[in-house]
Amino acid sequence: MGVLSTIAVAFWLMLPAYVPNNAAVLAGGGRPIDGGRTLGGSRLLGDGKTWRGTAVGTAAGAVLALALNAVAGDVGSAVGIDLPTFPFAVVVALPLGAMCGDIAASFLKRRTGRRRGAPFPVVDQLDFVVLALAFAVVVAPGWFREAFTLPVLAVVLLLTPVLHVGTNVLAYWFGFKDEPW
């Protein structure tokens, strides 16, 4: 697989994990997951992590994965790349893992004294990737090994921070986020 093909496959595979946090921001509001509970004097997660955002984000990623499955053959033929499809368990695991990664990062932010929206370099860019990949490998280890080759994983780990920063800046410019990170 050439460099461009590897980048295309990495992006394709991660789309169901890339979309959930953006969809959650658009869904916004609702009841906080932590219910206002605190630990050591600070919120467990904060108001930014809601049940509605988590559900909408997971659903958006799952719907996208199903849509990608439906068009993988045609798109792959059109661009000359063998694009993978997602087993049903992965359809749910990637976006749910992405949402759980973001929730885990929020927990870490609160434990390290960071306020809501404060930057947390590296964690902010890769939190959702780590748990999305972990959830996927747990539910479909054979598929994961076949789809996420070492070059694909390398592209994911290099491409994701760039995409994350870029999409956050755009969301900030369009008024969907209060900060550009």
N, C-alpha and C. Protein backbone atom coordinates (compact mmCIF):
# COMPACT_ATOMS: atom_id res chain seq x y z
N MET A 1 0.86 -1.17 0.00
CA MET A 1 0.00 0.00 0.00
C MET A 1 0.91 1.24 0.00
N GLY A 2 0.64 2.16 -0.91
CA GLY A 2 1.40 3.39 -1.00
C GLY A 2 1.04 4.37 0.11
N VAL A 3 1.78 5.45 0.19
CA VAL A 3 1.59 6.44 1.24
C VAL A 3 0.18 7.05 1.17
N LEU A 4 -0.25 7.46 -0.02
CA LEU A 4 -1.58 8.07 -0.14
C LEU A 4 -2.68 7.07 0.20
N SER A 5 -2.52 5.83 -0.21
CA SER A 5 -3.50 4.79 0.12
C SER A 5 -3.56 4.56 1.63
N THR A 6 -2.40 4.55 2.26
CA THR A 6 -2.35 4.35 3.71
C THR A 6 -3.04 5.50 4.43
N ILE A 7 -2.81 6.71 3.98
CA ILE A 7 -3.47 7.88 4.58
C ILE A 7 -4.98 7.79 4.38
N ALA A 8 -5.41 7.42 3.18
CA ALA A 8 -6.85 7.31 2.90
C ALA A 8 -7.50 6.24 3.76
N VAL A 9 -6.85 5.09 3.89
CA VAL A 9 -7.41 4.01 4.71
C VAL A 9 -7.45 4.42 6.18
N ALA A 10 -6.39 5.06 6.66
CA ALA A 10 -6.36 5.50 8.06
C ALA A 10 -7.50 6.49 8.33
N PHE A 11 -7.68 7.45 7.45
CA PHE A 11 -8.74 8.43 7.62
C PHE A 11 -10.12 7.75 7.57
N TRP A 12 -10.31 6.85 6.61
CA TRP A 12 -11.57 6.10 6.46
C TRP A 12 -11.89 5.34 7.74
N LEU A 13 -10.88 4.61 8.25
CA LEU A 13 -11.09 3.80 9.45
C LEU A 13 -11.42 4.64 10.68
N MET A 14 -10.87 5.83 10.75
CA MET A 14 -11.05 6.66 11.94
C MET A 14 -12.24 7.61 11.86
N LEU A 15 -12.84 7.76 10.69
CA LEU A 15 -13.99 8.67 10.59
C LEU A 15 -15.07 8.41 11.65
N PRO A 16 -15.45 7.15 11.90
CA PRO A 16 -16.47 6.93 12.94
C PRO A 16 -16.02 7.33 14.35
N ALA A 17 -14.71 7.49 14.55
CA ALA A 17 -14.20 7.97 15.84
C ALA A 17 -13.96 9.47 15.82
N TYR A 18 -13.74 10.04 14.65
CA TYR A 18 -13.50 11.47 14.54
C TYR A 18 -14.78 12.29 14.70
N VAL A 19 -15.89 11.77 14.25
CA VAL A 19 -17.15 12.52 14.21
C VAL A 19 -17.86 12.66 15.56
N PRO A 20 -17.81 11.67 16.45
CA PRO A 20 -18.63 11.74 17.66
C PRO A 20 -18.46 12.98 18.53
N ASN A 21 -17.24 13.40 18.79
CA ASN A 21 -17.05 14.57 19.66
C ASN A 21 -17.60 15.83 19.02
N ASN A 22 -17.48 15.94 17.70
CA ASN A 22 -18.05 17.10 17.01
C ASN A 22 -19.57 17.06 17.07
N ALA A 23 -20.16 15.89 16.89
CA ALA A 23 -21.62 15.76 16.97
C ALA A 23 -22.10 16.06 18.39
N ALA A 24 -21.33 15.64 19.38
CA ALA A 24 -21.70 15.89 20.78
C ALA A 24 -21.72 17.39 21.07
N VAL A 25 -20.77 18.13 20.51
CA VAL A 25 -20.73 19.58 20.70
C VAL A 25 -21.98 20.21 20.09
N LEU A 26 -22.37 19.73 18.91
CA LEU A 26 -23.56 20.28 18.25
C LEU A 26 -24.83 19.94 19.02
N ALA A 27 -24.89 18.73 19.61
CA ALA A 27 -26.06 18.32 20.38
C ALA A 27 -26.14 19.11 21.68
N GLY A 28 -24.98 19.34 22.27
CA GLY A 28 -24.81 20.15 23.47
C GLY A 28 -25.89 20.09 24.52
N GLY A 29 -25.52 20.48 25.69
CA GLY A 29 -26.48 20.59 26.79
C GLY A 29 -26.99 19.28 27.32
N GLY A 30 -27.92 19.39 28.23
CA GLY A 30 -28.48 18.19 28.83
C GLY A 30 -27.89 17.92 30.20
N ARG A 31 -28.26 16.79 30.74
CA ARG A 31 -27.86 16.41 32.09
C ARG A 31 -26.41 15.94 32.12
N PRO A 32 -25.58 16.51 32.99
CA PRO A 32 -24.19 16.07 33.08
C PRO A 32 -24.10 14.62 33.54
N ILE A 33 -23.15 13.91 32.99
CA ILE A 33 -22.95 12.51 33.35
C ILE A 33 -22.62 12.37 34.82
N ASP A 34 -21.83 13.30 35.36
CA ASP A 34 -21.42 13.19 36.76
C ASP A 34 -22.50 13.64 37.75
N GLY A 35 -23.61 14.17 37.23
CA GLY A 35 -24.70 14.58 38.10
C GLY A 35 -24.30 15.66 39.10
N GLY A 36 -23.21 16.37 38.83
CA GLY A 36 -22.75 17.41 39.74
C GLY A 36 -21.85 16.90 40.86
N ARG A 37 -21.57 15.60 40.88
CA ARG A 37 -20.74 15.04 41.95
C ARG A 37 -19.29 15.53 41.85
N THR A 38 -18.64 15.57 43.01
CA THR A 38 -17.26 16.04 43.07
C THR A 38 -16.36 14.96 43.66
N LEU A 39 -15.07 15.16 43.45
CA LEU A 39 -14.04 14.30 44.03
C LEU A 39 -12.88 15.21 44.37
N GLY A 40 -12.48 15.24 45.62
CA GLY A 40 -11.37 16.10 46.03
C GLY A 40 -11.63 17.57 45.80
N GLY A 41 -12.89 17.98 45.88
CA GLY A 41 -13.22 19.38 45.75
C GLY A 41 -13.49 19.87 44.33
N SER A 42 -13.33 19.01 43.34
CA SER A 42 -13.65 19.42 41.96
C SER A 42 -14.59 18.41 41.33
N ARG A 43 -15.31 18.88 40.33
CA ARG A 43 -16.27 18.03 39.63
C ARG A 43 -15.58 16.79 39.07
N LEU A 44 -16.31 15.68 39.02
CA LEU A 44 -15.77 14.46 38.41
C LEU A 44 -15.45 14.70 36.95
N LEU A 45 -16.42 15.28 36.21
CA LEU A 45 -16.26 15.52 34.78
C LEU A 45 -16.55 16.96 34.40
N GLY A 46 -17.61 17.50 34.92
CA GLY A 46 -18.02 18.86 34.58
C GLY A 46 -19.26 18.87 33.71
N ASP A 47 -19.78 20.06 33.48
CA ASP A 47 -21.02 20.23 32.72
C ASP A 47 -20.87 19.90 31.24
N GLY A 48 -19.65 19.86 30.73
CA GLY A 48 -19.44 19.62 29.30
C GLY A 48 -19.61 18.18 28.87
N LYS A 49 -19.70 17.26 29.80
CA LYS A 49 -19.88 15.84 29.47
C LYS A 49 -21.30 15.44 29.87
N THR A 50 -22.17 15.33 28.86
CA THR A 50 -23.58 15.07 29.12
C THR A 50 -24.01 13.74 28.52
N TRP A 51 -25.09 13.23 29.06
CA TRP A 51 -25.66 11.98 28.52
C TRP A 51 -26.12 12.19 27.08
N ARG A 52 -26.76 13.32 26.81
CA ARG A 52 -27.25 13.59 25.45
C ARG A 52 -26.09 13.69 24.46
N GLY A 53 -25.05 14.42 24.81
CA GLY A 53 -23.90 14.54 23.93
C GLY A 53 -23.24 13.19 23.66
N THR A 54 -23.11 12.38 24.70
CA THR A 54 -22.51 11.05 24.54
C THR A 54 -23.36 10.17 23.64
N ALA A 55 -24.66 10.18 23.85
CA ALA A 55 -25.56 9.36 23.03
C ALA A 55 -25.57 9.83 21.58
N VAL A 56 -25.69 11.14 21.38
CA VAL A 56 -25.73 11.68 20.02
C VAL A 56 -24.39 11.45 19.31
N GLY A 57 -23.30 11.67 20.01
CA GLY A 57 -21.99 11.45 19.42
C GLY A 57 -21.77 10.00 19.01
N THR A 58 -22.13 9.08 19.90
CA THR A 58 -21.98 7.65 19.59
C THR A 58 -22.88 7.27 18.41
N ALA A 59 -24.11 7.73 18.43
CA ALA A 59 -25.04 7.42 17.34
C ALA A 59 -24.55 7.99 16.01
N ALA A 60 -24.05 9.22 16.03
CA ALA A 60 -23.56 9.84 14.79
C ALA A 60 -22.40 9.04 14.21
N GLY A 61 -21.47 8.62 15.05
CA GLY A 61 -20.34 7.82 14.58
C GLY A 61 -20.78 6.46 14.05
N ALA A 62 -21.75 5.85 14.72
CA ALA A 62 -22.25 4.54 14.28
C ALA A 62 -22.98 4.66 12.94
N VAL A 63 -23.81 5.67 12.79
CA VAL A 63 -24.51 5.89 11.52
C VAL A 63 -23.50 6.14 10.40
N LEU A 64 -22.47 6.92 10.69
CA LEU A 64 -21.44 7.16 9.69
C LEU A 64 -20.74 5.86 9.30
N ALA A 65 -20.40 5.03 10.27
CA ALA A 65 -19.75 3.74 9.97
C ALA A 65 -20.64 2.88 9.08
N LEU A 66 -21.93 2.85 9.35
CA LEU A 66 -22.86 2.08 8.51
C LEU A 66 -22.91 2.67 7.10
N ALA A 67 -22.92 3.99 7.01
CA ALA A 67 -22.92 4.64 5.69
C ALA A 67 -21.63 4.32 4.94
N LEU A 68 -20.50 4.34 5.63
CA LEU A 68 -19.23 3.99 4.99
C LEU A 68 -19.24 2.54 4.51
N ASN A 69 -19.82 1.66 5.29
CA ASN A 69 -19.97 0.26 4.85
C ASN A 69 -20.74 0.18 3.54
N ALA A 70 -21.80 0.98 3.45
CA ALA A 70 -22.67 0.94 2.27
C ALA A 70 -21.97 1.43 1.01
N VAL A 71 -21.01 2.33 1.15
CA VAL A 71 -20.37 2.92 -0.03
C VAL A 71 -18.92 2.48 -0.22
N ALA A 72 -18.40 1.65 0.67
CA ALA A 72 -16.98 1.28 0.62
C ALA A 72 -16.56 0.72 -0.73
N GLY A 73 -17.35 -0.19 -1.28
CA GLY A 73 -17.01 -0.81 -2.56
C GLY A 73 -16.97 0.20 -3.69
N ASP A 74 -18.01 1.01 -3.79
CA ASP A 74 -18.08 2.01 -4.87
C ASP A 74 -17.00 3.08 -4.74
N VAL A 75 -16.81 3.60 -3.54
CA VAL A 75 -15.80 4.63 -3.33
C VAL A 75 -14.41 4.03 -3.56
N GLY A 76 -14.19 2.84 -3.03
CA GLY A 76 -12.90 2.18 -3.22
C GLY A 76 -12.58 1.96 -4.69
N SER A 77 -13.58 1.51 -5.46
CA SER A 77 -13.39 1.31 -6.90
C SER A 77 -13.09 2.63 -7.61
N ALA A 78 -13.80 3.68 -7.22
CA ALA A 78 -13.63 4.98 -7.86
C ALA A 78 -12.24 5.57 -7.62
N VAL A 79 -11.68 5.32 -6.44
CA VAL A 79 -10.37 5.90 -6.12
C VAL A 79 -9.23 4.89 -6.22
N GLY A 80 -9.57 3.63 -6.50
CA GLY A 80 -8.55 2.60 -6.67
C GLY A 80 -7.90 2.14 -5.38
N ILE A 81 -8.65 2.17 -4.29
CA ILE A 81 -8.14 1.74 -2.98
C ILE A 81 -9.12 0.74 -2.39
N ASP A 82 -8.60 -0.32 -1.81
CA ASP A 82 -9.44 -1.31 -1.14
C ASP A 82 -9.80 -0.78 0.24
N LEU A 83 -10.99 -0.21 0.37
CA LEU A 83 -11.42 0.39 1.63
C LEU A 83 -12.11 -0.66 2.49
N PRO A 84 -11.74 -0.74 3.76
CA PRO A 84 -12.34 -1.74 4.64
C PRO A 84 -13.76 -1.38 5.05
N THR A 85 -14.49 -2.41 5.45
CA THR A 85 -15.81 -2.20 6.05
C THR A 85 -15.69 -2.51 7.54
N PHE A 86 -16.69 -2.11 8.28
CA PHE A 86 -16.67 -2.24 9.73
C PHE A 86 -17.62 -3.34 10.18
N PRO A 87 -17.13 -4.32 10.97
CA PRO A 87 -18.06 -5.28 11.58
C PRO A 87 -19.02 -4.52 12.51
N PHE A 88 -20.21 -5.09 12.73
CA PHE A 88 -21.20 -4.36 13.51
C PHE A 88 -20.70 -3.97 14.89
N ALA A 89 -19.97 -4.84 15.56
CA ALA A 89 -19.47 -4.50 16.90
C ALA A 89 -18.55 -3.28 16.84
N VAL A 90 -17.78 -3.15 15.77
CA VAL A 90 -16.87 -2.01 15.61
C VAL A 90 -17.65 -0.75 15.25
N VAL A 91 -18.78 -0.91 14.55
CA VAL A 91 -19.65 0.22 14.23
C VAL A 91 -20.00 0.99 15.50
N VAL A 92 -20.21 0.26 16.59
CA VAL A 92 -20.54 0.87 17.88
C VAL A 92 -19.27 1.16 18.69
N ALA A 93 -18.30 0.26 18.65
CA ALA A 93 -17.11 0.38 19.50
C ALA A 93 -16.27 1.61 19.20
N LEU A 94 -16.04 1.91 17.93
CA LEU A 94 -15.20 3.08 17.59
C LEU A 94 -15.79 4.38 18.13
N PRO A 95 -17.06 4.70 17.82
CA PRO A 95 -17.58 5.98 18.34
C PRO A 95 -17.78 5.97 19.85
N LEU A 96 -18.20 4.85 20.43
CA LEU A 96 -18.36 4.81 21.88
C LEU A 96 -17.01 4.94 22.56
N GLY A 97 -16.00 4.27 22.03
CA GLY A 97 -14.65 4.41 22.58
C GLY A 97 -14.15 5.84 22.49
N ALA A 98 -14.45 6.51 21.36
CA ALA A 98 -14.05 7.91 21.21
C ALA A 98 -14.70 8.78 22.28
N MET A 99 -15.97 8.57 22.51
CA MET A 99 -16.68 9.35 23.53
C MET A 99 -16.13 9.04 24.92
N CYS A 100 -15.86 7.78 25.20
CA CYS A 100 -15.31 7.41 26.52
C CYS A 100 -13.90 7.97 26.70
N GLY A 101 -13.14 8.03 25.63
CA GLY A 101 -11.82 8.63 25.72
C GLY A 101 -11.89 10.10 26.08
N ASP A 102 -12.84 10.80 25.49
CA ASP A 102 -13.03 12.21 25.80
C ASP A 102 -13.49 12.39 27.25
N ILE A 103 -14.35 11.50 27.70
CA ILE A 103 -14.83 11.54 29.09
C ILE A 103 -13.67 11.27 30.05
N ALA A 104 -12.83 10.29 29.73
CA ALA A 104 -11.67 9.96 30.57
C ALA A 104 -10.72 11.15 30.64
N ALA A 105 -10.52 11.84 29.52
CA ALA A 105 -9.65 13.01 29.52
C ALA A 105 -10.23 14.12 30.39
N SER A 106 -11.53 14.26 30.37
CA SER A 106 -12.17 15.27 31.23
C SER A 106 -11.93 14.93 32.70
N PHE A 107 -12.03 13.66 33.04
CA PHE A 107 -11.75 13.23 34.41
C PHE A 107 -10.30 13.58 34.78
N LEU A 108 -9.36 13.29 33.87
CA LEU A 108 -7.95 13.61 34.13
C LEU A 108 -7.74 15.12 34.26
N LYS A 109 -8.42 15.89 33.44
CA LYS A 109 -8.31 17.35 33.53
C LYS A 109 -8.74 17.84 34.91
N ARG A 110 -9.87 17.34 35.37
CA ARG A 110 -10.36 17.76 36.69
C ARG A 110 -9.38 17.35 37.79
N ARG A 111 -8.79 16.17 37.68
CA ARG A 111 -7.85 15.70 38.70
C ARG A 111 -6.55 16.49 38.69
N THR A 112 -6.21 17.09 37.55
CA THR A 112 -4.97 17.87 37.47
C THR A 112 -5.23 19.37 37.63
N GLY A 113 -6.46 19.71 38.03
CA GLY A 113 -6.78 21.10 38.33
C GLY A 113 -7.07 21.98 37.13
N ARG A 114 -7.25 21.39 35.96
CA ARG A 114 -7.57 22.19 34.77
C ARG A 114 -9.07 22.49 34.74
N ARG A 115 -9.40 23.69 34.33
CA ARG A 115 -10.81 24.07 34.22
C ARG A 115 -11.37 23.52 32.90
N ARG A 116 -12.68 23.56 32.79
CA ARG A 116 -13.34 23.12 31.57
C ARG A 116 -12.83 23.94 30.39
N GLY A 117 -12.44 23.26 29.33
CA GLY A 117 -11.97 23.93 28.13
C GLY A 117 -10.49 24.27 28.14
N ALA A 118 -9.83 24.08 29.28
CA ALA A 118 -8.39 24.38 29.34
C ALA A 118 -7.62 23.38 28.48
N PRO A 119 -6.56 23.84 27.84
CA PRO A 119 -5.79 22.92 27.00
C PRO A 119 -5.06 21.87 27.84
N PHE A 120 -4.95 20.68 27.28
CA PHE A 120 -4.22 19.58 27.88
C PHE A 120 -3.48 18.90 26.73
N PRO A 121 -2.35 19.48 26.32
CA PRO A 121 -1.64 19.00 25.12
C PRO A 121 -1.41 17.49 25.12
N VAL A 122 -1.50 16.91 23.98
CA VAL A 122 -1.37 15.48 23.68
C VAL A 122 -2.63 14.74 24.12
N VAL A 123 -3.03 14.90 25.38
CA VAL A 123 -4.24 14.23 25.86
C VAL A 123 -5.44 14.69 25.05
N ASP A 124 -5.57 16.00 24.84
CA ASP A 124 -6.70 16.54 24.07
C ASP A 124 -6.73 15.98 22.65
N GLN A 125 -5.59 15.74 22.07
CA GLN A 125 -5.53 15.32 20.67
C GLN A 125 -5.68 13.80 20.49
N LEU A 126 -5.32 13.04 21.50
CA LEU A 126 -5.29 11.58 21.30
C LEU A 126 -6.15 10.78 22.28
N ASP A 127 -6.81 11.43 23.23
CA ASP A 127 -7.62 10.71 24.21
C ASP A 127 -8.67 9.82 23.54
N PHE A 128 -9.41 10.38 22.63
CA PHE A 128 -10.48 9.64 21.97
C PHE A 128 -9.94 8.54 21.06
N VAL A 129 -8.77 8.75 20.48
CA VAL A 129 -8.17 7.75 19.59
C VAL A 129 -7.79 6.50 20.37
N VAL A 130 -7.15 6.71 21.50
CA VAL A 130 -6.66 5.57 22.30
C VAL A 130 -7.81 4.66 22.70
N LEU A 131 -8.88 5.22 23.24
CA LEU A 131 -9.99 4.36 23.67
C LEU A 131 -10.81 3.85 22.49
N ALA A 132 -10.94 4.60 21.43
CA ALA A 132 -11.63 4.08 20.24
C ALA A 132 -10.91 2.84 19.72
N LEU A 133 -9.59 2.93 19.61
CA LEU A 133 -8.81 1.78 19.15
C LEU A 133 -8.88 0.63 20.14
N ALA A 134 -8.81 0.94 21.43
CA ALA A 134 -8.89 -0.11 22.46
C ALA A 134 -10.23 -0.84 22.40
N PHE A 135 -11.32 -0.09 22.28
CA PHE A 135 -12.64 -0.72 22.19
C PHE A 135 -12.72 -1.60 20.95
N ALA A 136 -12.20 -1.10 19.83
CA ALA A 136 -12.26 -1.87 18.57
C ALA A 136 -11.45 -3.16 18.66
N VAL A 137 -10.27 -3.10 19.24
CA VAL A 137 -9.44 -4.31 19.33
C VAL A 137 -10.09 -5.34 20.26
N VAL A 138 -10.80 -4.88 21.28
CA VAL A 138 -11.47 -5.81 22.21
C VAL A 138 -12.62 -6.53 21.51
N VAL A 139 -13.43 -5.80 20.73
CA VAL A 139 -14.62 -6.42 20.12
C VAL A 139 -14.32 -7.17 18.83
N ALA A 140 -13.22 -6.84 18.15
CA ALA A 140 -12.91 -7.49 16.87
C ALA A 140 -11.39 -7.54 16.66
N PRO A 141 -10.69 -8.36 17.45
CA PRO A 141 -9.22 -8.36 17.37
C PRO A 141 -8.67 -8.76 16.01
N GLY A 142 -9.26 -9.75 15.36
CA GLY A 142 -8.79 -10.17 14.03
C GLY A 142 -8.97 -9.07 13.00
N TRP A 143 -10.14 -8.49 12.97
CA TRP A 143 -10.41 -7.38 12.04
C TRP A 143 -9.45 -6.23 12.33
N PHE A 144 -9.24 -5.92 13.61
CA PHE A 144 -8.37 -4.81 13.99
C PHE A 144 -6.95 -5.03 13.45
N ARG A 145 -6.40 -6.22 13.66
CA ARG A 145 -5.03 -6.51 13.19
C ARG A 145 -4.93 -6.38 11.68
N GLU A 146 -5.97 -6.78 10.98
CA GLU A 146 -5.98 -6.71 9.52
C GLU A 146 -6.13 -5.26 9.03
N ALA A 147 -7.00 -4.51 9.67
CA ALA A 147 -7.29 -3.15 9.21
C ALA A 147 -6.25 -2.14 9.69
N PHE A 148 -5.88 -2.21 10.95
CA PHE A 148 -4.96 -1.24 11.53
C PHE A 148 -3.53 -1.78 11.53
N THR A 149 -2.96 -1.82 10.34
CA THR A 149 -1.56 -2.23 10.22
C THR A 149 -0.67 -1.18 10.89
N LEU A 150 0.58 -1.48 11.08
CA LEU A 150 1.49 -0.51 11.71
C LEU A 150 1.56 0.81 10.93
N PRO A 151 1.66 0.77 9.59
CA PRO A 151 1.66 2.05 8.87
C PRO A 151 0.35 2.83 9.05
N VAL A 152 -0.77 2.14 9.09
CA VAL A 152 -2.06 2.82 9.29
C VAL A 152 -2.10 3.43 10.69
N LEU A 153 -1.66 2.69 11.69
CA LEU A 153 -1.63 3.22 13.05
C LEU A 153 -0.71 4.44 13.15
N ALA A 154 0.42 4.38 12.48
CA ALA A 154 1.36 5.51 12.49
C ALA A 154 0.69 6.75 11.89
N VAL A 155 -0.01 6.57 10.78
CA VAL A 155 -0.71 7.71 10.16
C VAL A 155 -1.78 8.25 11.10
N VAL A 156 -2.53 7.36 11.74
CA VAL A 156 -3.57 7.80 12.68
C VAL A 156 -2.95 8.66 13.78
N LEU A 157 -1.84 8.21 14.35
CA LEU A 157 -1.22 8.93 15.46
C LEU A 157 -0.58 10.25 15.02
N LEU A 158 -0.19 10.35 13.75
CA LEU A 158 0.38 11.60 13.24
C LEU A 158 -0.69 12.53 12.68
N LEU A 159 -1.68 11.98 12.01
CA LEU A 159 -2.72 12.77 11.35
C LEU A 159 -3.75 13.32 12.35
N THR A 160 -4.08 12.56 13.36
CA THR A 160 -5.13 12.95 14.28
C THR A 160 -4.87 14.28 14.98
N PRO A 161 -3.68 14.50 15.55
CA PRO A 161 -3.47 15.81 16.19
C PRO A 161 -3.65 16.99 15.23
N VAL A 162 -3.21 16.84 14.00
CA VAL A 162 -3.36 17.91 13.02
C VAL A 162 -4.85 18.15 12.72
N LEU A 163 -5.58 17.07 12.48
CA LEU A 163 -7.02 17.20 12.21
C LEU A 163 -7.76 17.75 13.42
N HIS A 164 -7.39 17.30 14.59
CA HIS A 164 -8.05 17.73 15.82
C HIS A 164 -7.90 19.24 16.01
N VAL A 165 -6.69 19.73 15.88
CA VAL A 165 -6.45 21.16 16.04
C VAL A 165 -7.20 21.94 14.96
N GLY A 166 -7.13 21.47 13.72
CA GLY A 166 -7.81 22.16 12.61
C GLY A 166 -9.31 22.23 12.78
N THR A 167 -9.94 21.13 13.15
CA THR A 167 -11.40 21.13 13.32
C THR A 167 -11.81 21.97 14.52
N ASN A 168 -11.00 21.97 15.57
CA ASN A 168 -11.33 22.80 16.74
C ASN A 168 -11.24 24.28 16.42
N VAL A 169 -10.26 24.65 15.63
CA VAL A 169 -10.14 26.06 15.22
C VAL A 169 -11.36 26.46 14.39
N LEU A 170 -11.75 25.59 13.46
CA LEU A 170 -12.96 25.86 12.66
C LEU A 170 -14.20 25.98 13.53
N ALA A 171 -14.37 25.04 14.48
CA ALA A 171 -15.53 25.08 15.37
C ALA A 171 -15.53 26.38 16.19
N TYR A 172 -14.38 26.83 16.59
CA TYR A 172 -14.26 28.08 17.33
C TYR A 172 -14.67 29.26 16.45
N TRP A 173 -14.15 29.29 15.22
CA TRP A 173 -14.48 30.38 14.29
C TRP A 173 -15.97 30.45 14.00
N PHE A 174 -16.63 29.27 13.93
CA PHE A 174 -18.05 29.25 13.63
C PHE A 174 -18.92 29.38 14.89
N GLY A 175 -18.29 29.55 16.03
CA GLY A 175 -19.04 29.78 17.25
C GLY A 175 -19.56 28.54 17.95
N PHE A 176 -19.09 27.35 17.57
CA PHE A 176 -19.54 26.13 18.22
C PHE A 176 -18.74 25.81 19.48
N LYS A 177 -17.56 26.40 19.60
CA LYS A 177 -16.70 26.17 20.76
C LYS A 177 -16.27 27.51 21.34
N ASP A 178 -16.00 27.51 22.64
CA ASP A 178 -15.57 28.73 23.32
C ASP A 178 -14.07 28.97 23.25
N GLU A 179 -13.31 27.94 22.86
CA GLU A 179 -11.87 28.05 22.76
C GLU A 179 -11.39 27.30 21.53
N PRO A 180 -10.27 27.71 20.94
CA PRO A 180 -9.83 27.10 19.69
C PRO A 180 -8.96 25.84 19.84
N TRP A 181 -9.02 25.16 20.98
CA TRP A 181 -8.24 23.93 21.13
C TRP A 181 -9.07 22.74 21.48
